Amino acid sequence: MCFGLFYVFFIGVGLLSAGTGTTPAIVVIIVGAFLIIFGYPALLETRWNGQTIGKRALGLRVVTVEGSPVRFRHSAIRSLLSIVDFFLPPIGVAATCVSLLNRRNQRLGDVFAGTIVLRERTGAAFPVPVSFPPLPGFELYARSLDVGGVRPEEYAVIRSFLLRVNTLTPGARAHLATRLANAVAASMHHRPPAPVSPETFLVSVAAAYQLRQGGPPVPLPPWAPQWGRDASPATMAR
C-alpha cells in the first residue's frame, strides 16, 4: 500500500514542480515521504486495532506479543524501523534475515516494538487481541496493583483463563480461578483484600498489566466474554 501511495505522491510532486520549481517540490517530498512511511501505518494501526488498509485487505492484524491491542507507541516504533526493514538497500533483506532468526517470525520493527503480525483468515485459532478493563467498583484497586514482576508467561495464562471462563463448569471455574489467583498473588507478594474474589483479582491483574504495557484499556468488543458476571463465591487462600 505504501508503494502505491508513493506512486501517486510522486505523480503529484511532478505536477507541482512543473509549476513552482524544485525547492517547494523537495520540501513536499521530504514531508510527504515522512507521512507515508511513518504517519500512515502508525495512525491507522492505532485507530483500526492493528490494521492498515493493506493489512485489512490481506486479513492481517498487528498485536502485541501478549495478544493485546497495539498502542501508538508500538505502531510508531514499527513504522520508524520499517526504514531499516524495507527501504535501506539491499531492500527487504534486513526484514527477511531477522524474521528467519526468531521463532515468532518478527521483523526488526516487531522485535523492538514487542509486536507480531497475525493472519486472521485461516481455519486455525489465533490469539485475538482483547482488552481487560477493571470490573465496576474495582478500578482503583486495579490501578494500585504492582504488576512489574508479572512475567509475560503468567499474563498469558491469566488471559487464557479469562477468555475461557464461560466455557467451564461452575466448579472447574472456581477451582481454577482460586489456584491461579493464589499463585499469581504469591508471585506478586500481594494479599488481596477480602471483597476481592479470585476471578476479580485475575481481571484486575490483567487490567493493570495492560495499563502498564501502554495506556488505559479500551472498551470491550461486543463479542468478548463478560467475565466476573457469574463467578462462584470461592475465596482465595489466606
Protein backbone atom coordinates (compact mmCIF):
# COMPACT_ATOMS: atom_id res chain seq x y z
CA MET A 1 0.00 0.00 0.00
CA CYS A 2 2.86 2.38 0.82
CA PHE A 3 4.40 1.85 -2.61
CA GLY A 4 1.05 2.71 -4.21
CA LEU A 5 0.88 5.88 -2.13
CA PHE A 6 4.42 6.76 -3.18
CA TYR A 7 3.49 6.26 -6.84
CA VAL A 8 0.52 8.63 -6.59
CA PHE A 9 2.54 11.04 -4.46
CA PHE A 10 5.41 11.37 -6.94
CA ILE A 11 2.99 11.97 -9.79
CA GLY A 12 1.56 14.86 -7.79
CA VAL A 13 5.06 16.15 -6.96
CA GLY A 14 5.97 16.06 -10.65
CA LEU A 15 2.97 18.19 -11.49
CA LEU A 16 3.78 20.57 -8.64
CA SER A 17 7.43 21.03 -9.63
CA ALA A 18 6.45 21.84 -13.18
CA GLY A 19 4.62 24.92 -11.99
CA THR A 20 6.51 26.05 -8.86
CA GLY A 21 10.13 24.94 -9.25
CA THR A 22 12.32 22.40 -7.47
CA THR A 23 12.63 23.87 -3.95
CA PRO A 24 8.95 23.56 -2.96
CA ALA A 25 8.91 20.10 -4.54
CA ILE A 26 11.86 18.96 -2.39
CA VAL A 27 10.12 20.18 0.76
CA VAL A 28 6.91 18.40 -0.23
CA ILE A 29 8.87 15.19 -0.97
CA ILE A 30 10.52 15.20 2.47
CA VAL A 31 7.29 15.88 4.35
CA GLY A 32 5.23 13.51 2.22
CA ALA A 33 7.73 10.66 2.50
CA PHE A 34 7.74 11.01 6.28
CA LEU A 35 3.95 10.95 6.47
CA ILE A 36 3.67 7.91 4.19
CA ILE A 37 6.41 5.86 5.88
CA PHE A 38 5.71 6.87 9.48
CA GLY A 39 2.35 8.60 9.82
CA TYR A 40 0.14 6.39 7.66
CA PRO A 41 0.83 2.99 9.30
CA ALA A 42 1.23 4.39 12.84
CA LEU A 43 -2.09 6.23 12.83
CA LEU A 44 -4.13 3.56 11.04
CA GLU A 45 -2.81 0.66 13.12
CA THR A 46 -3.67 2.60 16.27
CA ARG A 47 -7.17 3.58 15.18
CA TRP A 48 -8.06 0.36 13.32
CA ASN A 49 -6.97 -2.08 16.03
CA GLY A 50 -3.71 -3.17 14.40
CA GLN A 51 -4.71 -2.88 10.76
CA THR A 52 -3.97 -0.63 7.80
CA ILE A 53 -5.86 -0.70 4.51
CA GLY A 54 -3.44 -3.24 3.10
CA LYS A 55 -3.49 -5.44 6.21
CA ARG A 56 -7.28 -5.40 6.27
CA ALA A 57 -7.40 -6.48 2.62
CA LEU A 58 -4.95 -9.32 3.30
CA GLY A 59 -6.56 -10.42 6.56
CA LEU A 60 -3.60 -9.40 8.74
CA ARG A 61 -3.53 -7.71 12.14
CA VAL A 62 -0.75 -6.42 14.40
CA VAL A 63 -0.99 -7.24 18.12
CA THR A 64 1.49 -7.18 21.00
CA VAL A 65 3.34 -10.38 21.84
CA GLU A 66 0.93 -10.77 24.79
CA GLY A 67 -2.04 -10.65 22.40
CA SER A 68 -3.18 -7.17 23.43
CA PRO A 69 -4.21 -4.37 21.04
CA VAL A 70 -1.33 -2.21 19.84
CA ARG A 71 -0.95 1.35 21.09
CA PHE A 72 0.52 4.31 19.22
CA ARG A 73 4.00 3.72 20.65
CA HIS A 74 4.04 0.16 19.27
CA SER A 75 2.99 1.29 15.80
CA ALA A 76 5.36 4.26 15.87
CA ILE A 77 8.37 2.03 16.60
CA ARG A 78 7.32 -0.40 13.85
CA SER A 79 6.93 2.46 11.38
CA LEU A 80 10.29 4.07 12.18
CA LEU A 81 12.17 0.78 11.85
CA SER A 82 10.41 -0.06 8.59
CA ILE A 83 13.02 2.26 7.04
CA VAL A 84 15.67 -0.29 8.04
CA ASP A 85 13.48 -3.30 7.26
CA PHE A 86 12.25 -2.32 3.82
CA PHE A 87 13.82 0.85 2.44
CA LEU A 88 17.57 0.58 3.10
CA PRO A 89 19.47 -1.41 0.46
CA PRO A 90 19.51 -4.28 -0.05
CA ILE A 91 15.75 -3.72 0.12
CA GLY A 92 13.89 -6.20 2.34
CA VAL A 93 16.96 -8.25 3.26
CA ALA A 94 17.12 -6.94 6.85
CA ALA A 95 13.46 -7.83 7.50
CA THR A 96 13.88 -11.28 5.93
CA CYS A 97 17.03 -12.14 7.88
CA VAL A 98 15.65 -11.01 11.23
CA SER A 99 12.35 -12.83 10.72
CA LEU A 100 14.19 -16.06 9.91
CA LEU A 101 16.29 -15.81 13.07
CA ASN A 102 13.45 -15.63 15.62
CA ARG A 103 10.71 -18.12 16.39
CA ARG A 104 7.86 -15.59 16.05
CA ASN A 105 8.88 -14.56 12.52
CA GLN A 106 9.15 -10.93 13.61
CA ARG A 107 10.89 -8.30 11.52
CA LEU A 108 13.21 -5.82 13.23
CA GLY A 109 10.41 -3.33 13.90
CA ASP A 110 8.29 -6.02 15.55
CA VAL A 111 11.17 -7.17 17.75
CA PHE A 112 11.78 -3.68 19.15
CA ALA A 113 8.07 -2.83 19.39
CA GLY A 114 7.13 -6.13 21.03
CA THR A 115 4.53 -6.97 18.37
CA ILE A 116 3.65 -9.76 15.97
CA VAL A 117 1.58 -9.87 12.79
CA LEU A 118 -1.27 -12.41 12.77
CA ARG A 119 -3.14 -13.84 9.83
CA GLU A 120 -6.84 -13.87 10.65
CA ARG A 121 -8.25 -15.67 7.64
CA THR A 122 -7.23 -19.22 8.45
CA GLY A 123 -9.01 -22.22 9.88
CA ALA A 124 -6.70 -22.25 12.89
CA ALA A 125 -7.26 -20.42 16.13
CA PHE A 126 -5.15 -17.33 16.77
CA PRO A 127 -4.62 -15.06 19.79
CA VAL A 128 -7.35 -12.45 19.35
CA PRO A 129 -6.44 -9.00 20.67
CA VAL A 130 -8.64 -8.22 23.66
CA SER A 131 -8.60 -5.68 26.49
CA PHE A 132 -9.37 -6.27 30.15
CA PRO A 133 -10.94 -3.19 31.79
CA PRO A 134 -11.30 -3.36 35.59
CA LEU A 135 -14.63 -4.59 36.87
CA PRO A 136 -17.02 -1.85 38.09
CA GLY A 137 -16.08 -0.78 41.60
CA PHE A 138 -12.55 -2.17 41.38
CA GLU A 139 -10.96 0.46 39.13
CA LEU A 140 -8.80 2.00 41.88
CA TYR A 141 -7.80 -1.43 43.14
CA ALA A 142 -6.60 -2.48 39.68
CA ARG A 143 -4.58 0.71 39.31
CA SER A 144 -2.99 0.17 42.72
CA LEU A 145 -1.56 -3.25 41.82
CA ASP A 146 2.18 -3.51 41.23
CA VAL A 147 2.43 -5.92 38.29
CA GLY A 148 6.05 -5.15 37.43
CA GLY A 149 7.01 -8.66 38.50
CA VAL A 150 4.30 -10.42 36.47
CA ARG A 151 6.04 -12.32 33.67
CA PRO A 152 4.58 -12.46 30.14
CA GLU A 153 4.09 -16.21 30.63
CA GLU A 154 1.97 -15.59 33.75
CA TYR A 155 -0.10 -12.97 31.95
CA ALA A 156 -0.63 -15.40 29.06
CA VAL A 157 -2.06 -17.98 31.49
CA ILE A 158 -4.35 -15.36 33.10
CA ARG A 159 -5.50 -14.19 29.68
CA SER A 160 -6.20 -17.74 28.53
CA PHE A 161 -8.26 -18.45 31.64
CA LEU A 162 -10.32 -15.25 31.42
CA LEU A 163 -11.15 -15.86 27.76
CA ARG A 164 -12.46 -19.34 28.58
CA VAL A 165 -14.28 -18.89 31.89
CA ASN A 166 -17.73 -19.06 30.31
CA THR A 167 -16.94 -22.46 28.79
CA LEU A 168 -16.10 -24.02 32.18
CA THR A 169 -18.43 -25.65 34.65
CA PRO A 170 -19.00 -23.59 37.83
CA GLY A 171 -16.93 -25.99 39.91
CA ALA A 172 -14.00 -26.08 37.50
CA ARG A 173 -14.18 -22.31 37.04
CA ALA A 174 -13.99 -21.64 40.78
CA HIS A 175 -11.25 -24.22 41.34
CA LEU A 176 -9.02 -22.94 38.52
CA ALA A 177 -9.60 -19.29 39.43
CA THR A 178 -8.60 -19.93 43.05
CA ARG A 179 -5.45 -21.90 42.16
CA LEU A 180 -4.33 -19.39 39.55
CA ALA A 181 -5.12 -16.35 41.72
CA ASN A 182 -3.22 -17.79 44.69
CA ALA A 183 -0.18 -18.49 42.51
CA VAL A 184 -0.20 -15.02 40.94
CA ALA A 185 -0.76 -13.27 44.28
CA ALA A 186 2.16 -15.20 45.78
CA SER A 187 4.47 -14.21 42.92
CA MET A 188 3.40 -10.56 43.38
CA HIS A 189 3.84 -10.75 47.18
CA HIS A 190 0.34 -9.36 47.44
CA ARG A 191 -2.61 -10.31 49.63
CA PRO A 192 -5.92 -9.27 48.03
CA PRO A 193 -8.49 -7.73 50.41
CA ALA A 194 -11.49 -9.78 51.48
CA PRO A 195 -14.04 -8.34 48.97
CA VAL A 196 -11.84 -9.38 46.04
CA SER A 197 -12.76 -12.83 44.71
CA PRO A 198 -10.16 -14.90 42.81
CA GLU A 199 -11.67 -14.07 39.42
CA THR A 200 -11.97 -10.37 40.24
CA PHE A 201 -8.32 -10.40 41.29
CA LEU A 202 -7.27 -12.00 37.98
CA VAL A 203 -9.25 -9.46 35.94
CA SER A 204 -7.67 -6.65 37.99
CA VAL A 205 -4.17 -8.04 37.40
CA ALA A 206 -4.84 -8.33 33.66
CA ALA A 207 -6.15 -4.75 33.55
CA ALA A 208 -3.15 -3.45 35.50
CA TYR A 209 -0.75 -5.40 33.26
CA GLN A 210 -2.24 -3.94 30.08
CA LEU A 211 -2.25 -0.47 31.65
CA ARG A 212 1.45 -0.84 32.38
CA GLN A 213 2.12 -2.01 28.82
CA GLY A 214 0.77 1.06 27.12
CA GLY A 215 -2.16 3.02 28.43
CA PRO A 216 -5.69 2.57 29.74
CA PRO A 217 -7.65 -0.42 28.44
CA VAL A 218 -10.04 0.25 25.59
CA PRO A 219 -13.73 -0.76 25.85
CA LEU A 220 -14.57 -4.40 25.38
CA PRO A 221 -15.54 -5.51 21.89
CA PRO A 222 -19.11 -6.82 21.76
CA TRP A 223 -18.03 -10.45 21.35
CA ALA A 224 -15.80 -10.57 24.42
CA PRO A 225 -16.88 -12.83 27.33
CA GLN A 226 -18.35 -10.99 30.30
CA TRP A 227 -16.02 -12.47 32.91
CA GLY A 228 -16.84 -11.97 36.55
CA ARG A 229 -20.59 -11.76 36.00
CA ASP A 230 -21.37 -15.23 37.27
CA ALA A 231 -18.26 -16.19 39.17
CA SER A 232 -18.70 -18.52 42.10
CA PRO A 233 -18.23 -17.16 45.61
CA ALA A 234 -14.99 -19.09 46.12
CA THR A 235 -12.39 -17.23 48.17
CA MET A 236 -8.64 -17.15 47.95
CA ALA A 237 -6.38 -18.88 50.43
CA ARG A 238 -5.36 -16.55 53.22
